[in-house]
Amino acid sequence: MVAGSHHGYFDEGEDARVVELVNGSDADVLLLCRGVPREQLWLAAHRDALRVGLAMTGGALFDFLSGAVRRGPRVLTDHGLEWLCRLAMEPRRLGGRYLLGNPEYAGRVARGLVARARQAPLRYLTPSSSTTRWSRWRSAASK
């Protein structure tokens, strides 16, 4: 059951009223679709004031469901490459996000992994430890 809806075009001055509307609806789930990163920032700023069981962002979900935005070919969407199709359809709007933002994100992840690897020494499996794990798994699976 849908408890309510609201357009996503409101100013910061209206935030408190929107939170009151959401809380007054007694909704269990809030699906927020205002566009990246606006929806994530809004939810992070107001999640403590919201009285919903689950609050999540949906990006272009309703655009896809309504048919306003076409999805990419299934072979690409099934392999996490829908962004490539969206980039081809809206290069001016999404070019900066995907062509600059994705490599920046990948670089941050790589730097974090390298820093973590430097802090913790690698642990190698010895034959005895892997045999013990295999034995435990095998005995648990046979029960």
N, C-alpha and C. Protein backbone atom coordinates (compact mmCIF):
# COMPACT_ATOMS: atom_id res chain seq x y z
N MET A 1 0.85 -1.17 0.00
CA MET A 1 0.00 0.00 0.00
C MET A 1 0.89 1.24 0.00
N VAL A 2 0.59 2.20 -0.81
CA VAL A 2 1.31 3.46 -0.86
C VAL A 2 0.71 4.39 0.18
N ALA A 3 1.55 4.90 1.07
CA ALA A 3 1.07 5.78 2.14
C ALA A 3 1.06 7.24 1.71
N GLY A 4 1.79 7.57 0.66
CA GLY A 4 1.82 8.96 0.19
C GLY A 4 2.92 9.15 -0.83
N SER A 5 2.93 10.33 -1.41
CA SER A 5 3.99 10.68 -2.36
C SER A 5 4.20 12.18 -2.31
N HIS A 6 5.36 12.60 -2.79
CA HIS A 6 5.69 14.02 -2.81
C HIS A 6 6.72 14.22 -3.91
N HIS A 7 6.61 15.31 -4.62
CA HIS A 7 7.62 15.60 -5.64
C HIS A 7 8.95 15.89 -4.94
N GLY A 8 10.02 15.72 -5.62
CA GLY A 8 11.33 15.90 -5.03
C GLY A 8 11.90 17.29 -5.20
N TYR A 9 11.09 18.22 -5.71
CA TYR A 9 11.58 19.56 -5.99
C TYR A 9 11.20 20.51 -4.86
N PHE A 10 11.92 20.43 -3.76
CA PHE A 10 11.66 21.33 -2.66
C PHE A 10 12.98 21.90 -2.16
N ASP A 11 12.90 23.08 -1.58
CA ASP A 11 14.09 23.78 -1.07
C ASP A 11 14.42 23.31 0.34
N GLU A 12 15.62 23.66 0.80
CA GLU A 12 16.04 23.29 2.15
C GLU A 12 15.09 23.81 3.21
N GLY A 13 14.48 24.96 2.96
CA GLY A 13 13.54 25.53 3.92
C GLY A 13 12.30 24.68 4.13
N GLU A 14 12.04 23.78 3.21
CA GLU A 14 10.86 22.91 3.30
C GLU A 14 11.17 21.54 3.89
N ASP A 15 12.43 21.29 4.24
CA ASP A 15 12.83 19.97 4.74
C ASP A 15 12.01 19.52 5.94
N ALA A 16 11.84 20.40 6.91
CA ALA A 16 11.11 20.02 8.13
C ALA A 16 9.67 19.63 7.81
N ARG A 17 9.04 20.36 6.89
CA ARG A 17 7.66 20.04 6.51
C ARG A 17 7.60 18.69 5.80
N VAL A 18 8.58 18.39 4.96
CA VAL A 18 8.61 17.11 4.25
C VAL A 18 8.82 15.96 5.25
N VAL A 19 9.69 16.16 6.22
CA VAL A 19 9.90 15.14 7.26
C VAL A 19 8.60 14.91 8.01
N GLU A 20 7.88 15.98 8.35
CA GLU A 20 6.59 15.85 9.05
C GLU A 20 5.58 15.08 8.19
N LEU A 21 5.55 15.36 6.89
CA LEU A 21 4.64 14.64 5.99
C LEU A 21 4.96 13.15 5.96
N VAL A 22 6.25 12.83 5.88
CA VAL A 22 6.65 11.42 5.86
C VAL A 22 6.26 10.76 7.17
N ASN A 23 6.59 11.39 8.29
CA ASN A 23 6.28 10.80 9.59
C ASN A 23 4.77 10.71 9.81
N GLY A 24 4.01 11.68 9.33
CA GLY A 24 2.56 11.66 9.47
C GLY A 24 1.88 10.61 8.61
N SER A 25 2.57 10.10 7.63
CA SER A 25 1.98 9.09 6.74
C SER A 25 2.00 7.69 7.37
N ASP A 26 2.77 7.52 8.44
CA ASP A 26 2.94 6.20 9.08
C ASP A 26 3.49 5.16 8.12
N ALA A 27 4.30 5.60 7.17
CA ALA A 27 4.89 4.68 6.20
C ALA A 27 5.94 3.81 6.87
N ASP A 28 6.03 2.57 6.45
CA ASP A 28 7.07 1.67 6.93
C ASP A 28 8.34 1.81 6.09
N VAL A 29 8.16 2.16 4.81
CA VAL A 29 9.28 2.25 3.88
C VAL A 29 9.24 3.61 3.19
N LEU A 30 10.41 4.26 3.12
CA LEU A 30 10.55 5.50 2.38
C LEU A 30 11.47 5.24 1.20
N LEU A 31 10.98 5.48 0.01
CA LEU A 31 11.79 5.36 -1.20
C LEU A 31 11.99 6.77 -1.73
N LEU A 32 13.22 7.25 -1.63
CA LEU A 32 13.56 8.63 -1.96
C LEU A 32 14.27 8.67 -3.30
N CYS A 33 13.68 9.36 -4.27
CA CYS A 33 14.26 9.45 -5.62
C CYS A 33 14.34 10.92 -6.02
N ARG A 34 15.47 11.55 -5.69
CA ARG A 34 15.67 12.97 -6.01
C ARG A 34 16.87 13.17 -6.92
N GLY A 35 17.57 12.12 -7.26
CA GLY A 35 18.77 12.24 -8.07
C GLY A 35 20.02 12.20 -7.22
N VAL A 36 21.05 11.64 -7.79
CA VAL A 36 22.34 11.49 -7.11
C VAL A 36 23.07 12.81 -7.22
N PRO A 37 23.70 13.34 -6.23
CA PRO A 37 23.82 12.86 -4.85
C PRO A 37 22.79 13.49 -3.92
N ARG A 38 21.87 14.28 -4.49
CA ARG A 38 20.91 15.02 -3.65
C ARG A 38 20.14 14.10 -2.71
N GLU A 39 19.69 12.96 -3.21
CA GLU A 39 18.89 12.06 -2.37
C GLU A 39 19.71 11.47 -1.23
N GLN A 40 20.97 11.11 -1.48
CA GLN A 40 21.81 10.55 -0.42
C GLN A 40 22.11 11.60 0.65
N LEU A 41 22.40 12.82 0.21
CA LEU A 41 22.70 13.89 1.17
C LEU A 41 21.48 14.22 2.02
N TRP A 42 20.31 14.27 1.39
CA TRP A 42 19.09 14.58 2.14
C TRP A 42 18.78 13.49 3.16
N LEU A 43 18.89 12.26 2.74
CA LEU A 43 18.60 11.15 3.64
C LEU A 43 19.59 11.11 4.80
N ALA A 44 20.87 11.33 4.53
CA ALA A 44 21.88 11.35 5.60
C ALA A 44 21.59 12.46 6.60
N ALA A 45 21.13 13.61 6.11
CA ALA A 45 20.87 14.75 6.99
C ALA A 45 19.60 14.57 7.82
N HIS A 46 18.65 13.77 7.36
CA HIS A 46 17.35 13.68 8.03
C HIS A 46 16.97 12.29 8.53
N ARG A 47 17.86 11.32 8.40
CA ARG A 47 17.48 9.95 8.75
C ARG A 47 17.11 9.79 10.23
N ASP A 48 17.73 10.56 11.11
CA ASP A 48 17.40 10.44 12.54
C ASP A 48 16.01 11.00 12.85
N ALA A 49 15.55 11.95 12.06
CA ALA A 49 14.23 12.55 12.30
C ALA A 49 13.10 11.73 11.67
N LEU A 50 13.43 10.86 10.73
CA LEU A 50 12.41 10.08 10.04
C LEU A 50 11.99 8.87 10.87
N ARG A 51 10.69 8.66 10.97
CA ARG A 51 10.16 7.51 11.70
C ARG A 51 9.62 6.48 10.71
N VAL A 52 10.55 5.86 9.99
CA VAL A 52 10.19 4.81 9.04
C VAL A 52 11.08 3.61 9.34
N GLY A 53 10.59 2.43 9.02
CA GLY A 53 11.37 1.23 9.27
C GLY A 53 12.56 1.11 8.33
N LEU A 54 12.38 1.53 7.07
CA LEU A 54 13.43 1.43 6.07
C LEU A 54 13.37 2.67 5.19
N ALA A 55 14.51 3.32 5.04
CA ALA A 55 14.62 4.46 4.14
C ALA A 55 15.73 4.16 3.15
N MET A 56 15.43 4.27 1.87
CA MET A 56 16.44 3.99 0.87
C MET A 56 16.27 4.93 -0.32
N THR A 57 17.36 5.11 -1.04
CA THR A 57 17.32 5.96 -2.23
C THR A 57 17.12 5.07 -3.46
N GLY A 58 16.50 5.66 -4.48
CA GLY A 58 16.19 4.87 -5.66
C GLY A 58 16.71 5.43 -6.96
N GLY A 59 17.40 6.57 -6.91
CA GLY A 59 17.96 7.11 -8.14
C GLY A 59 16.91 7.29 -9.22
N ALA A 60 17.13 6.70 -10.36
CA ALA A 60 16.23 6.84 -11.51
C ALA A 60 15.18 5.73 -11.56
N LEU A 61 14.91 5.09 -10.45
CA LEU A 61 13.98 3.96 -10.43
C LEU A 61 12.64 4.29 -11.08
N PHE A 62 12.03 5.39 -10.66
CA PHE A 62 10.71 5.72 -11.20
C PHE A 62 10.79 6.14 -12.66
N ASP A 63 11.90 6.73 -13.07
CA ASP A 63 12.09 7.04 -14.49
C ASP A 63 12.12 5.76 -15.31
N PHE A 64 12.78 4.73 -14.80
CA PHE A 64 12.82 3.44 -15.50
C PHE A 64 11.45 2.78 -15.50
N LEU A 65 10.80 2.74 -14.34
CA LEU A 65 9.50 2.07 -14.24
C LEU A 65 8.43 2.74 -15.10
N SER A 66 8.48 4.06 -15.20
CA SER A 66 7.48 4.78 -15.99
C SER A 66 7.77 4.74 -17.48
N GLY A 67 8.98 4.34 -17.85
CA GLY A 67 9.36 4.31 -19.25
C GLY A 67 9.92 5.63 -19.75
N ALA A 68 10.07 6.60 -18.85
CA ALA A 68 10.61 7.91 -19.25
C ALA A 68 12.08 7.80 -19.67
N VAL A 69 12.80 6.86 -19.07
CA VAL A 69 14.21 6.62 -19.42
C VAL A 69 14.34 5.14 -19.79
N ARG A 70 14.93 4.89 -20.94
CA ARG A 70 15.11 3.50 -21.38
C ARG A 70 16.30 2.88 -20.67
N ARG A 71 16.18 1.64 -20.35
CA ARG A 71 17.30 0.89 -19.78
C ARG A 71 18.17 0.37 -20.91
N GLY A 72 19.40 0.04 -20.57
CA GLY A 72 20.32 -0.49 -21.57
C GLY A 72 20.01 -1.93 -21.91
N PRO A 73 20.72 -2.48 -22.88
CA PRO A 73 20.53 -3.89 -23.24
C PRO A 73 20.81 -4.80 -22.04
N ARG A 74 20.08 -5.86 -21.97
CA ARG A 74 20.19 -6.76 -20.81
C ARG A 74 21.59 -7.31 -20.61
N VAL A 75 22.32 -7.56 -21.69
CA VAL A 75 23.67 -8.10 -21.56
C VAL A 75 24.55 -7.11 -20.78
N LEU A 76 24.30 -5.83 -20.93
CA LEU A 76 25.08 -4.83 -20.19
C LEU A 76 24.54 -4.63 -18.77
N THR A 77 23.22 -4.56 -18.63
CA THR A 77 22.65 -4.34 -17.30
C THR A 77 22.92 -5.53 -16.38
N ASP A 78 22.94 -6.72 -16.93
CA ASP A 78 23.22 -7.91 -16.11
C ASP A 78 24.66 -7.96 -15.61
N HIS A 79 25.53 -7.21 -16.26
CA HIS A 79 26.94 -7.23 -15.89
C HIS A 79 27.42 -5.91 -15.29
N GLY A 80 26.49 -5.10 -14.77
CA GLY A 80 26.85 -3.87 -14.08
C GLY A 80 27.34 -2.76 -14.99
N LEU A 81 26.97 -2.78 -16.25
CA LEU A 81 27.43 -1.76 -17.19
C LEU A 81 26.32 -0.86 -17.70
N GLU A 82 25.23 -0.76 -16.95
CA GLU A 82 24.14 0.12 -17.38
C GLU A 82 24.61 1.57 -17.44
N TRP A 83 25.54 1.93 -16.60
CA TRP A 83 26.06 3.30 -16.61
C TRP A 83 26.60 3.67 -17.99
N LEU A 84 27.15 2.70 -18.71
CA LEU A 84 27.70 2.97 -20.03
C LEU A 84 26.58 3.36 -21.01
N CYS A 85 25.46 2.69 -20.93
CA CYS A 85 24.31 3.03 -21.78
C CYS A 85 23.75 4.39 -21.41
N ARG A 86 23.64 4.66 -20.12
CA ARG A 86 23.13 5.96 -19.68
C ARG A 86 24.06 7.08 -20.10
N LEU A 87 25.37 6.82 -20.06
CA LEU A 87 26.34 7.81 -20.50
C LEU A 87 26.16 8.11 -21.99
N ALA A 88 25.92 7.08 -22.79
CA ALA A 88 25.70 7.27 -24.22
C ALA A 88 24.42 8.07 -24.49
N MET A 89 23.38 7.87 -23.67
CA MET A 89 22.11 8.57 -23.87
C MET A 89 22.14 10.01 -23.36
N GLU A 90 22.90 10.27 -22.27
CA GLU A 90 22.94 11.60 -21.67
C GLU A 90 24.38 12.01 -21.35
N PRO A 91 25.22 12.19 -22.37
CA PRO A 91 26.63 12.45 -22.10
C PRO A 91 26.90 13.76 -21.37
N ARG A 92 26.15 14.81 -21.66
CA ARG A 92 26.39 16.10 -20.98
C ARG A 92 26.05 16.03 -19.51
N ARG A 93 24.97 15.39 -19.20
CA ARG A 93 24.52 15.34 -17.80
C ARG A 93 25.35 14.35 -16.98
N LEU A 94 25.69 13.22 -17.57
CA LEU A 94 26.32 12.15 -16.80
C LEU A 94 27.82 12.00 -17.05
N GLY A 95 28.36 12.73 -18.02
CA GLY A 95 29.77 12.59 -18.36
C GLY A 95 30.71 12.83 -17.20
N GLY A 96 30.51 13.92 -16.49
CA GLY A 96 31.37 14.22 -15.35
C GLY A 96 31.28 13.17 -14.26
N ARG A 97 30.06 12.72 -14.00
CA ARG A 97 29.86 11.73 -12.94
C ARG A 97 30.58 10.42 -13.26
N TYR A 98 30.40 9.94 -14.49
CA TYR A 98 30.93 8.64 -14.83
C TYR A 98 32.39 8.67 -15.29
N LEU A 99 32.76 9.68 -16.07
CA LEU A 99 34.12 9.71 -16.61
C LEU A 99 35.13 10.27 -15.62
N LEU A 100 34.69 11.12 -14.70
CA LEU A 100 35.59 11.65 -13.68
C LEU A 100 35.35 10.99 -12.32
N GLY A 101 34.09 10.81 -11.97
CA GLY A 101 33.75 10.27 -10.66
C GLY A 101 34.12 8.80 -10.48
N ASN A 102 33.86 7.97 -11.50
CA ASN A 102 34.17 6.55 -11.36
C ASN A 102 35.66 6.28 -11.19
N PRO A 103 36.53 6.89 -12.01
CA PRO A 103 37.97 6.67 -11.78
C PRO A 103 38.44 7.20 -10.42
N GLU A 104 37.87 8.32 -9.99
CA GLU A 104 38.24 8.86 -8.68
C GLU A 104 37.85 7.87 -7.58
N TYR A 105 36.66 7.32 -7.68
CA TYR A 105 36.20 6.33 -6.71
C TYR A 105 37.09 5.10 -6.72
N ALA A 106 37.41 4.59 -7.91
CA ALA A 106 38.27 3.41 -8.03
C ALA A 106 39.65 3.69 -7.43
N GLY A 107 40.16 4.89 -7.65
CA GLY A 107 41.45 5.25 -7.07
C GLY A 107 41.40 5.29 -5.55
N ARG A 108 40.33 5.81 -5.00
CA ARG A 108 40.19 5.85 -3.53
C ARG A 108 40.10 4.44 -2.96
N VAL A 109 39.35 3.58 -3.62
CA VAL A 109 39.25 2.19 -3.16
C VAL A 109 40.62 1.52 -3.22
N ALA A 110 41.34 1.72 -4.32
CA ALA A 110 42.67 1.11 -4.47
C ALA A 110 43.63 1.62 -3.39
N ARG A 111 43.61 2.93 -3.14
CA ARG A 111 44.48 3.48 -2.09
C ARG A 111 44.12 2.92 -0.72
N GLY A 112 42.84 2.76 -0.46
CA GLY A 112 42.41 2.18 0.81
C GLY A 112 42.85 0.73 0.96
N LEU A 113 42.75 -0.04 -0.12
CA LEU A 113 43.18 -1.44 -0.07
C LEU A 113 44.68 -1.55 0.14
N VAL A 114 45.44 -0.69 -0.53
CA VAL A 114 46.90 -0.70 -0.36
C VAL A 114 47.26 -0.33 1.07
N ALA A 115 46.61 0.70 1.61
CA ALA A 115 46.90 1.12 2.99
C ALA A 115 46.56 0.00 3.97
N ARG A 116 45.45 -0.67 3.73
CA ARG A 116 45.06 -1.77 4.62
C ARG A 116 46.03 -2.93 4.51
N ALA A 117 46.48 -3.22 3.30
CA ALA A 117 47.44 -4.32 3.10
C ALA A 117 48.76 -4.02 3.78
N ARG A 118 49.16 -2.77 3.82
CA ARG A 118 50.42 -2.40 4.48
C ARG A 118 50.32 -2.53 5.99
N GLN A 119 49.13 -2.34 6.53
CA GLN A 119 48.94 -2.41 7.98
C GLN A 119 48.86 -3.84 8.48
N ALA A 120 48.27 -4.73 7.71
CA ALA A 120 48.06 -6.11 8.15
C ALA A 120 48.90 -7.04 7.28
N PRO A 121 49.75 -7.84 7.88
CA PRO A 121 50.55 -8.77 7.09
C PRO A 121 49.65 -9.84 6.45
N LEU A 122 50.09 -10.35 5.33
CA LEU A 122 49.35 -11.42 4.66
C LEU A 122 49.42 -12.69 5.48
N ARG A 123 48.31 -13.41 5.53
CA ARG A 123 48.29 -14.69 6.21
C ARG A 123 48.14 -15.77 5.16
N TYR A 124 49.06 -16.66 5.16
CA TYR A 124 49.02 -17.75 4.20
C TYR A 124 48.40 -18.98 4.83
N LEU A 125 47.66 -19.72 4.04
CA LEU A 125 47.09 -20.97 4.52
C LEU A 125 48.17 -22.04 4.53
N THR A 126 48.26 -22.71 5.63
CA THR A 126 49.16 -23.84 5.68
C THR A 126 48.33 -25.09 5.40
N PRO A 127 48.95 -26.16 4.99
CA PRO A 127 48.18 -27.38 4.71
C PRO A 127 47.35 -27.82 5.90
N SER A 128 47.88 -27.65 7.10
CA SER A 128 47.14 -28.11 8.27
C SER A 128 45.90 -27.24 8.51
N SER A 129 46.03 -25.90 8.32
CA SER A 129 44.87 -25.05 8.58
C SER A 129 43.79 -25.26 7.52
N SER A 130 44.18 -25.44 6.24
CA SER A 130 43.17 -25.65 5.21
C SER A 130 42.52 -27.02 5.36
N THR A 131 43.29 -28.02 5.79
CA THR A 131 42.72 -29.35 6.02
C THR A 131 41.72 -29.30 7.15
N THR A 132 42.05 -28.56 8.20
CA THR A 132 41.15 -28.44 9.34
C THR A 132 39.86 -27.76 8.91
N ARG A 133 39.96 -26.69 8.15
CA ARG A 133 38.76 -25.99 7.67
C ARG A 133 37.93 -26.90 6.78
N TRP A 134 38.56 -27.64 5.89
CA TRP A 134 37.85 -28.55 5.01
C TRP A 134 37.14 -29.61 5.83
N SER A 135 37.82 -30.14 6.83
CA SER A 135 37.22 -31.18 7.66
C SER A 135 36.00 -30.65 8.39
N ARG A 136 36.11 -29.42 8.94
CA ARG A 136 34.97 -28.82 9.65
C ARG A 136 33.81 -28.59 8.69
N TRP A 137 34.09 -28.07 7.49
CA TRP A 137 33.04 -27.82 6.52
C TRP A 137 32.38 -29.11 6.10
N ARG A 138 33.20 -30.12 5.85
CA ARG A 138 32.67 -31.40 5.37
C ARG A 138 31.81 -32.06 6.44
N SER A 139 32.24 -31.99 7.69
CA SER A 139 31.44 -32.61 8.75
C SER A 139 30.14 -31.82 8.97
N ALA A 140 30.19 -30.50 8.83
CA ALA A 140 28.97 -29.70 9.00
C ALA A 140 28.00 -29.95 7.84
N ALA A 141 28.53 -30.12 6.63
CA ALA A 141 27.67 -30.33 5.47
C ALA A 141 27.01 -31.70 5.48
N SER A 142 27.64 -32.68 6.13
CA SER A 142 27.07 -34.02 6.13
C SER A 142 25.98 -34.20 7.19
N LYS A 143 25.85 -33.23 8.08
CA LYS A 143 24.82 -33.34 9.14
C LYS A 143 23.45 -33.04 8.64
